[in-house]
C-alpha atoms as a PDB file:
ATOM      1  CA  UNK A   1       3.883 -16.211  23.631  1.00  0.00           C
ATOM      2  CA  UNK A   2       4.269 -17.271  20.012  1.00  0.00           C
ATOM      3  CA  UNK A   3       3.410 -20.607  18.506  1.00  0.00           C
ATOM      4  CA  UNK A   4       3.017 -22.234  15.119  1.00  0.00           C
ATOM      5  CA  UNK A   5      -0.509 -23.100  14.138  1.00  0.00           C
ATOM      6  CA  UNK A   6      -1.339 -26.162  12.057  1.00  0.00           C
ATOM      7  CA  UNK A   7      -0.675 -24.403   8.741  1.00  0.00           C
ATOM      8  CA  UNK A   8       2.878 -23.412   9.553  1.00  0.00           C
ATOM      9  CA  UNK A   9       2.003 -19.797  10.297  1.00  0.00           C
ATOM     10  CA  UNK A  10       3.383 -18.015  13.315  1.00  0.00           C
ATOM     11  CA  UNK A  11       0.687 -16.545  15.528  1.00  0.00           C
ATOM     12  CA  UNK A  12       0.437 -15.145  19.029  1.00  0.00           C
ATOM     13  CA  UNK A  13      -1.388 -17.395  21.422  1.00  0.00           C
ATOM     14  CA  UNK A  14      -4.155 -15.655  23.312  1.00  0.00           C
ATOM     15  CA  UNK A  15      -4.610 -18.130  26.160  1.00  0.00           C
ATOM     16  CA  UNK A  16      -0.967 -18.446  27.165  1.00  0.00           C
ATOM     17  CA  UNK A  17       0.134 -16.613  30.296  1.00  0.00           C
ATOM     18  CA  UNK A  18       2.350 -13.572  29.868  1.00  0.00           C
ATOM     19  CA  UNK A  19       5.931 -14.594  29.285  1.00  0.00           C
ATOM     20  CA  UNK A  20       9.118 -12.627  29.490  1.00  0.00           C
ATOM     21  CA  UNK A  21       9.814 -10.408  26.474  1.00  0.00           C
ATOM     22  CA  UNK A  22      12.023 -12.004  23.812  1.00  0.00           C
ATOM     23  CA  UNK A  23      15.543 -10.680  23.383  1.00  0.00           C
ATOM     24  CA  UNK A  24      16.399  -8.573  20.366  1.00  0.00           C
ATOM     25  CA  UNK A  25      17.806 -11.442  18.276  1.00  0.00           C
ATOM     26  CA  UNK A  26      14.780 -13.638  18.939  1.00  0.00           C
ATOM     27  CA  UNK A  27      12.466 -10.795  17.915  1.00  0.00           C
ATOM     28  CA  UNK A  28      14.446 -10.265  14.694  1.00  0.00           C
ATOM     29  CA  UNK A  29      14.272 -14.000  13.934  1.00  0.00           C
ATOM     30  CA  UNK A  30      10.529 -14.007  14.643  1.00  0.00           C
ATOM     31  CA  UNK A  31      10.045 -11.005  12.371  1.00  0.00           C
ATOM     32  CA  UNK A  32      11.955 -12.678   9.533  1.00  0.00           C
ATOM     33  CA  UNK A  33       9.928 -15.900   9.943  1.00  0.00           C
ATOM     34  CA  UNK A  34       6.705 -13.877   9.807  1.00  0.00           C
ATOM     35  CA  UNK A  35       7.891 -12.027   6.692  1.00  0.00           C
ATOM     36  CA  UNK A  36       8.597 -15.315   4.910  1.00  0.00           C
ATOM     37  CA  UNK A  37       5.225 -16.696   6.035  1.00  0.00           C
ATOM     38  CA  UNK A  38       3.487 -13.652   4.512  1.00  0.00           C
ATOM     39  CA  UNK A  39       5.537 -13.860   1.313  1.00  0.00           C
ATOM     40  CA  UNK A  40       4.377 -17.461   0.829  1.00  0.00           C
ATOM     41  CA  UNK A  41       0.802 -16.107   0.640  1.00  0.00           C
ATOM     42  CA  UNK A  42       1.563 -13.705  -2.231  1.00  0.00           C
ATOM     43  CA  UNK A  43      -0.088 -14.592  -5.540  1.00  0.00           C
ATOM     44  CA  UNK A  44       1.571 -13.316  -8.722  1.00  0.00           C
ATOM     45  CA  UNK A  45      -0.956 -11.916 -11.223  1.00  0.00           C
ATOM     46  CA  UNK A  46      -1.248 -13.454 -14.664  1.00  0.00           C
ATOM     47  CA  UNK A  47      -0.124 -11.505 -17.725  1.00  0.00           C
ATOM     48  CA  UNK A  48      -3.742 -10.660 -18.590  1.00  0.00           C
ATOM     49  CA  UNK A  49      -4.441  -9.393 -15.061  1.00  0.00           C
ATOM     50  CA  UNK A  50      -1.216  -7.380 -15.063  1.00  0.00           C
ATOM     51  CA  UNK A  51      -2.143  -5.691 -18.357  1.00  0.00           C
ATOM     52  CA  UNK A  52      -5.638  -4.957 -17.048  1.00  0.00           C
ATOM     53  CA  UNK A  53      -4.303  -3.451 -13.805  1.00  0.00           C
ATOM     54  CA  UNK A  54      -1.774  -1.365 -15.758  1.00  0.00           C
ATOM     55  CA  UNK A  55      -4.509  -0.041 -18.062  1.00  0.00           C
ATOM     56  CA  UNK A  56      -6.691   0.872 -15.085  1.00  0.00           C
ATOM     57  CA  UNK A  57      -3.849   2.748 -13.375  1.00  0.00           C
ATOM     58  CA  UNK A  58      -2.864   4.608 -16.552  1.00  0.00           C
ATOM     59  CA  UNK A  59      -6.509   5.501 -17.211  1.00  0.00           C
ATOM     60  CA  UNK A  60      -6.888   6.840 -13.694  1.00  0.00           C
ATOM     61  CA  UNK A  61      -3.700   8.896 -14.018  1.00  0.00           C
ATOM     62  CA  UNK A  62      -4.875  10.398 -17.321  1.00  0.00           C
ATOM     63  CA  UNK A  63      -8.262  11.303 -15.801  1.00  0.00           C
ATOM     64  CA  UNK A  64      -6.607  12.910 -12.767  1.00  0.00           C
ATOM     65  CA  UNK A  65      -4.202  14.853 -15.002  1.00  0.00           C
ATOM     66  CA  UNK A  66      -7.160  16.159 -17.045  1.00  0.00           C
ATOM     67  CA  UNK A  67      -8.983  17.125 -13.841  1.00  0.00           C
ATOM     68  CA  UNK A  68      -5.977  19.020 -12.452  1.00  0.00           C
ATOM     69  CA  UNK A  69      -5.355  20.706 -15.812  1.00  0.00           C
ATOM     70  CA  UNK A  70      -9.008  21.766 -15.999  1.00  0.00           C
ATOM     71  CA  UNK A  71      -8.978  23.150 -12.459  1.00  0.00           C
ATOM     72  CA  UNK A  72      -5.722  24.996 -13.203  1.00  0.00           C
ATOM     73  CA  UNK A  73      -7.257  26.525 -16.326  1.00  0.00           C
ATOM     74  CA  UNK A  74     -10.400  27.601 -14.418  1.00  0.00           C
ATOM     75  CA  UNK A  75      -8.383  29.112 -11.544  1.00  0.00           C
ATOM     76  CA  UNK A  76      -6.174  30.957 -14.022  1.00  0.00           C
ATOM     77  CA  UNK A  77      -9.233  32.368 -15.769  1.00  0.00           C
ATOM     78  CA  UNK A  78     -10.869  33.421 -12.455  1.00  0.00           C
ATOM     79  CA  UNK A  79      -7.625  35.030 -11.248  1.00  0.00           C
ATOM     80  CA  UNK A  80      -7.267  36.921 -14.525  1.00  0.00           C
ATOM     81  CA  UNK A  81     -10.855  38.160 -14.302  1.00  0.00           C
ATOM     82  CA  UNK A  82     -10.520  39.262 -10.692  1.00  0.00           C
ATOM     83  CA  UNK A  83      -7.090  40.867 -10.786  1.00  0.00           C
ATOM     84  CA  UNK A  84      -6.795  41.686 -14.471  1.00  0.00           C
ATOM     85  CA  UNK A  85      -3.744  41.483 -16.694  1.00  0.00           C
ATOM     86  CA  UNK A  86      -1.045  44.121 -16.099  1.00  0.00           C
ATOM     87  CA  UNK A  87      -0.550  46.382 -19.108  1.00  0.00           C
END
């Protein structure tokens, strides 16, 4: 059902006949092995990349805040024009 390929990754074999389902502890162990295999693939960004990504996210947040503020201002103005201001 599950086998290691040449690179040490855990993959499901497609040509193997259907086997009995693994017990709960074997499935937990398989899950943990797969998590560690995926974590080995993670690449940490450099300081320059991290600063660039942070700037992009902050820029996007500022633009979205301006857009929401602008829409709020327009909707407030339209609502005031339609319903008026109580005296």
